Amino acid sequence: MNGNSDPRISYLRIRFSLIMIFFGFFVFTVGAKPGWYGWDRSPVVGFIQISVFLIGLAMICIGGYTGLITLWGKEPRSIVADIGMRLVGTGFVIAVFTGMADVFGMGSHLPPMRPYFGPWQSGGVLIGQIVIALGFLMMIPYHRYLRNLR
């Protein structure tokens, strides 16, 4: 029996993806806005905060990827969905490299200065998140829902 034919496995994968998305969103908000939880200890966004919200973004990407792949079931994915999968990964790489630009030595505050998450880094992370969102939109199996509308 193929693992995709058992509906219980699909429900478990969807549950896993939703839990991963919500936990990743919590971790993302802890890194991006720790003041919302009363945990803000510094007036600047430093290396730890950047790392935490990028880990949260990775968890969101993994959860979303798992859930959307599960929605396809045994059907072969379209080329658009495959491109969307790659866009999710590319968007995350864009977000990591722009968010950690100072740490990698490509930003405006080179070591040994404290990493600074400025407007250029936040813009790059936002562009990465937009690419991730476009990738997720491309991965949705629209044909299943259009078939049910007819």
C-alpha atoms as a PDB file:
ATOM      1  CA  MET A   1       0.000   0.000   0.000  1.00  0.00           C
ATOM      2  CA  ASN A   2       1.444   3.336  -1.064  1.00  0.00           C
ATOM      3  CA  GLY A   3       1.841   5.942   1.691  1.00  0.00           C
ATOM      4  CA  ASN A   4      -0.068   8.535  -0.328  1.00  0.00           C
ATOM      5  CA  SER A   5      -3.172   6.351  -0.671  1.00  0.00           C
ATOM      6  CA  ASP A   6      -3.825   6.193   3.082  1.00  0.00           C
ATOM      7  CA  PRO A   7      -5.978   9.209   4.024  1.00  0.00           C
ATOM      8  CA  ARG A   8      -4.738   9.082   7.634  1.00  0.00           C
ATOM      9  CA  ILE A   9      -1.208   9.866   6.489  1.00  0.00           C
ATOM     10  CA  SER A  10      -2.498  12.861   4.529  1.00  0.00           C
ATOM     11  CA  TYR A  11      -4.286  14.177   7.621  1.00  0.00           C
ATOM     12  CA  LEU A  12      -1.137  13.689   9.688  1.00  0.00           C
ATOM     13  CA  ARG A  13       0.943  15.567   7.123  1.00  0.00           C
ATOM     14  CA  ILE A  14      -1.562  18.426   6.989  1.00  0.00           C
ATOM     15  CA  ARG A  15      -1.646  18.600  10.800  1.00  0.00           C
ATOM     16  CA  PHE A  16       2.154  18.548  10.928  1.00  0.00           C
ATOM     17  CA  SER A  17       2.334  21.343   8.362  1.00  0.00           C
ATOM     18  CA  LEU A  18      -0.188  23.520  10.193  1.00  0.00           C
ATOM     19  CA  ILE A  19       1.554  23.006  13.536  1.00  0.00           C
ATOM     20  CA  MET A  20       4.901  23.789  11.902  1.00  0.00           C
ATOM     21  CA  ILE A  21       3.510  26.936  10.271  1.00  0.00           C
ATOM     22  CA  PHE A  22       1.958  28.269  13.490  1.00  0.00           C
ATOM     23  CA  PHE A  23       5.021  27.428  15.600  1.00  0.00           C
ATOM     24  CA  GLY A  24       7.264  28.954  12.921  1.00  0.00           C
ATOM     25  CA  PHE A  25       5.120  32.092  12.934  1.00  0.00           C
ATOM     26  CA  PHE A  26       5.507  32.287  16.725  1.00  0.00           C
ATOM     27  CA  VAL A  27       9.297  31.908  16.444  1.00  0.00           C
ATOM     28  CA  PHE A  28       9.338  34.466  13.613  1.00  0.00           C
ATOM     29  CA  THR A  29       7.446  37.036  15.696  1.00  0.00           C
ATOM     30  CA  VAL A  30       9.701  36.381  18.699  1.00  0.00           C
ATOM     31  CA  GLY A  31      12.701  37.227  16.525  1.00  0.00           C
ATOM     32  CA  ALA A  32      11.143  40.122  14.631  1.00  0.00           C
ATOM     33  CA  LYS A  33       9.167  41.771  17.449  1.00  0.00           C
ATOM     34  CA  PRO A  34      10.235  40.433  20.875  1.00  0.00           C
ATOM     35  CA  GLY A  35       8.626  43.493  22.456  1.00  0.00           C
ATOM     36  CA  TRP A  36       5.212  41.981  21.710  1.00  0.00           C
ATOM     37  CA  TYR A  37       6.011  39.351  24.342  1.00  0.00           C
ATOM     38  CA  GLY A  38       7.886  41.641  26.733  1.00  0.00           C
ATOM     39  CA  TRP A  39      11.228  40.048  25.802  1.00  0.00           C
ATOM     40  CA  ASP A  40      12.908  43.028  24.134  1.00  0.00           C
ATOM     41  CA  ARG A  41      16.331  43.539  25.725  1.00  0.00           C
ATOM     42  CA  SER A  42      18.023  45.736  23.137  1.00  0.00           C
ATOM     43  CA  PRO A  43      17.090  48.820  21.116  1.00  0.00           C
ATOM     44  CA  VAL A  44      18.727  47.373  17.971  1.00  0.00           C
ATOM     45  CA  VAL A  45      18.033  44.203  16.033  1.00  0.00           C
ATOM     46  CA  GLY A  46      21.144  42.065  16.441  1.00  0.00           C
ATOM     47  CA  PHE A  47      22.489  38.728  15.272  1.00  0.00           C
ATOM     48  CA  ILE A  48      20.363  36.616  17.634  1.00  0.00           C
ATOM     49  CA  GLN A  49      17.101  38.305  16.643  1.00  0.00           C
ATOM     50  CA  ILE A  50      17.920  37.991  12.948  1.00  0.00           C
ATOM     51  CA  SER A  51      18.802  34.317  13.417  1.00  0.00           C
ATOM     52  CA  VAL A  52      15.609  33.615  15.352  1.00  0.00           C
ATOM     53  CA  PHE A  53      13.268  35.180  12.819  1.00  0.00           C
ATOM     54  CA  LEU A  54      15.087  33.433   9.963  1.00  0.00           C
ATOM     55  CA  ILE A  55      14.663  30.099  11.784  1.00  0.00           C
ATOM     56  CA  GLY A  56      10.964  30.916  12.146  1.00  0.00           C
ATOM     57  CA  LEU A  57      10.773  31.732   8.438  1.00  0.00           C
ATOM     58  CA  ALA A  58      12.451  28.386   7.650  1.00  0.00           C
ATOM     59  CA  MET A  59       9.843  26.581   9.766  1.00  0.00           C
ATOM     60  CA  ILE A  60       7.046  28.403   7.926  1.00  0.00           C
ATOM     61  CA  CYS A  61       8.587  27.415   4.569  1.00  0.00           C
ATOM     62  CA  ILE A  62       8.959  23.756   5.571  1.00  0.00           C
ATOM     63  CA  GLY A  63       5.417  23.593   6.942  1.00  0.00           C
ATOM     64  CA  GLY A  64       3.902  25.297   3.913  1.00  0.00           C
ATOM     65  CA  TYR A  65       5.862  23.109   1.515  1.00  0.00           C
ATOM     66  CA  THR A  66       4.765  19.938   3.320  1.00  0.00           C
ATOM     67  CA  GLY A  67       1.116  20.976   3.372  1.00  0.00           C
ATOM     68  CA  LEU A  68       0.937  22.037  -0.252  1.00  0.00           C
ATOM     69  CA  ILE A  69       2.729  18.927  -1.506  1.00  0.00           C
ATOM     70  CA  THR A  70       0.243  16.837   0.498  1.00  0.00           C
ATOM     71  CA  LEU A  71      -2.658  18.592  -1.246  1.00  0.00           C
ATOM     72  CA  TRP A  72      -1.386  17.250  -4.576  1.00  0.00           C
ATOM     73  CA  GLY A  73      -1.736  13.663  -3.318  1.00  0.00           C
ATOM     74  CA  LYS A  74      -0.806  11.023  -5.896  1.00  0.00           C
ATOM     75  CA  GLU A  75      -1.305  13.380  -8.836  1.00  0.00           C
ATOM     76  CA  PRO A  76       1.834  14.505 -10.627  1.00  0.00           C
ATOM     77  CA  ARG A  77       2.734  18.112  -9.896  1.00  0.00           C
ATOM     78  CA  SER A  78       2.540  20.619 -12.702  1.00  0.00           C
ATOM     79  CA  ILE A  79       5.525  22.521 -14.010  1.00  0.00           C
ATOM     80  CA  VAL A  80       4.159  25.665 -12.382  1.00  0.00           C
ATOM     81  CA  ALA A  81       4.064  23.878  -9.013  1.00  0.00           C
ATOM     82  CA  ASP A  82       7.642  22.682  -9.484  1.00  0.00           C
ATOM     83  CA  ILE A  83       8.743  26.223 -10.275  1.00  0.00           C
ATOM     84  CA  GLY A  84       6.854  27.368  -7.168  1.00  0.00           C
ATOM     85  CA  MET A  85       8.768  24.842  -5.061  1.00  0.00           C
ATOM     86  CA  ARG A  86      12.024  26.281  -6.300  1.00  0.00           C
ATOM     87  CA  LEU A  87      10.823  29.833  -5.716  1.00  0.00           C
ATOM     88  CA  VAL A  88      10.126  29.019  -2.061  1.00  0.00           C
ATOM     89  CA  GLY A  89      13.720  27.853  -1.638  1.00  0.00           C
ATOM     90  CA  THR A  90      15.098  30.784  -3.613  1.00  0.00           C
ATOM     91  CA  GLY A  91      13.074  33.274  -1.572  1.00  0.00           C
ATOM     92  CA  PHE A  92      14.394  31.777   1.649  1.00  0.00           C
ATOM     93  CA  VAL A  93      17.971  32.012   0.379  1.00  0.00           C
ATOM     94  CA  ILE A  94      17.363  35.671  -0.551  1.00  0.00           C
ATOM     95  CA  ALA A  95      15.963  36.342   2.927  1.00  0.00           C
ATOM     96  CA  VAL A  96      18.899  34.629   4.662  1.00  0.00           C
ATOM     97  CA  PHE A  97      21.627  36.327   2.656  1.00  0.00           C
ATOM     98  CA  THR A  98      20.098  39.786   2.888  1.00  0.00           C
ATOM     99  CA  GLY A  99      19.205  39.404   6.570  1.00  0.00           C
ATOM    100  CA  MET A 100      22.685  38.169   7.446  1.00  0.00           C
ATOM    101  CA  ALA A 101      24.570  40.492   5.079  1.00  0.00           C
ATOM    102  CA  ASP A 102      26.521  42.124   7.916  1.00  0.00           C
ATOM    103  CA  VAL A 103      27.420  38.753   9.399  1.00  0.00           C
ATOM    104  CA  PHE A 104      28.650  37.478   6.014  1.00  0.00           C
ATOM    105  CA  GLY A 105      30.754  40.628   5.527  1.00  0.00           C
ATOM    106  CA  MET A 106      28.672  42.106   2.704  1.00  0.00           C
ATOM    107  CA  GLY A 107      26.679  44.672   4.662  1.00  0.00           C
ATOM    108  CA  SER A 108      27.329  48.193   5.873  1.00  0.00           C
ATOM    109  CA  HIS A 109      28.538  47.124   9.342  1.00  0.00           C
ATOM    110  CA  LEU A 110      31.469  44.796   8.798  1.00  0.00           C
ATOM    111  CA  PRO A 111      32.989  42.735  11.626  1.00  0.00           C
ATOM    112  CA  PRO A 112      34.042  43.461  14.383  1.00  0.00           C
ATOM    113  CA  MET A 113      31.143  45.959  14.480  1.00  0.00           C
ATOM    114  CA  ARG A 114      27.772  44.752  15.765  1.00  0.00           C
ATOM    115  CA  PRO A 115      25.502  43.512  12.941  1.00  0.00           C
ATOM    116  CA  TYR A 116      22.811  46.043  12.114  1.00  0.00           C
ATOM    117  CA  PHE A 117      19.484  45.136  10.561  1.00  0.00           C
ATOM    118  CA  GLY A 118      18.847  48.295   8.595  1.00  0.00           C
ATOM    119  CA  PRO A 119      16.516  49.364   5.811  1.00  0.00           C
ATOM    120  CA  TRP A 120      18.489  47.593   3.075  1.00  0.00           C
ATOM    121  CA  GLN A 121      18.457  44.291   4.951  1.00  0.00           C
ATOM    122  CA  SER A 122      14.769  44.580   5.828  1.00  0.00           C
ATOM    123  CA  GLY A 123      13.967  45.369   2.191  1.00  0.00           C
ATOM    124  CA  GLY A 124      15.895  42.308   1.052  1.00  0.00           C
ATOM    125  CA  VAL A 125      14.127  40.068   3.571  1.00  0.00           C
ATOM    126  CA  LEU A 126      10.794  41.493   2.411  1.00  0.00           C
ATOM    127  CA  ILE A 127      11.677  40.725  -1.216  1.00  0.00           C
ATOM    128  CA  GLY A 128      12.594  37.176  -0.150  1.00  0.00           C
ATOM    129  CA  GLN A 129       9.234  36.804   1.614  1.00  0.00           C
ATOM    130  CA  ILE A 130       7.398  38.038  -1.484  1.00  0.00           C
ATOM    131  CA  VAL A 131       9.229  35.437  -3.602  1.00  0.00           C
ATOM    132  CA  ILE A 132       8.288  32.761  -1.025  1.00  0.00           C
ATOM    133  CA  ALA A 133       4.629  33.852  -1.150  1.00  0.00           C
ATOM    134  CA  LEU A 134       4.613  33.717  -4.967  1.00  0.00           C
ATOM    135  CA  GLY A 135       6.122  30.237  -4.806  1.00  0.00           C
ATOM    136  CA  PHE A 136       3.415  29.070  -2.404  1.00  0.00           C
ATOM    137  CA  LEU A 137       0.694  30.529  -4.639  1.00  0.00           C
ATOM    138  CA  MET A 138       2.149  28.641  -7.587  1.00  0.00           C
ATOM    139  CA  MET A 139       2.153  25.367  -5.620  1.00  0.00           C
ATOM    140  CA  ILE A 140      -1.601  25.383  -4.906  1.00  0.00           C
ATOM    141  CA  PRO A 141      -3.392  22.660  -6.922  1.00  0.00           C
ATOM    142  CA  TYR A 142      -5.966  24.983  -8.488  1.00  0.00           C
ATOM    143  CA  HIS A 143      -7.097  22.399 -11.035  1.00  0.00           C
ATOM    144  CA  ARG A 144      -8.714  20.292  -8.266  1.00  0.00           C
ATOM    145  CA  TYR A 145     -10.857  23.179  -7.112  1.00  0.00           C
ATOM    146  CA  LEU A 146     -11.766  24.351 -10.609  1.00  0.00           C
ATOM    147  CA  ARG A 147     -12.861  20.804 -11.443  1.00  0.00           C
ATOM    148  CA  ASN A 148     -15.220  20.803  -8.430  1.00  0.00           C
ATOM    149  CA  LEU A 149     -16.808  24.107  -9.487  1.00  0.00           C
ATOM    150  CA  ARG A 150     -18.026  22.737 -12.829  1.00  0.00           C
END
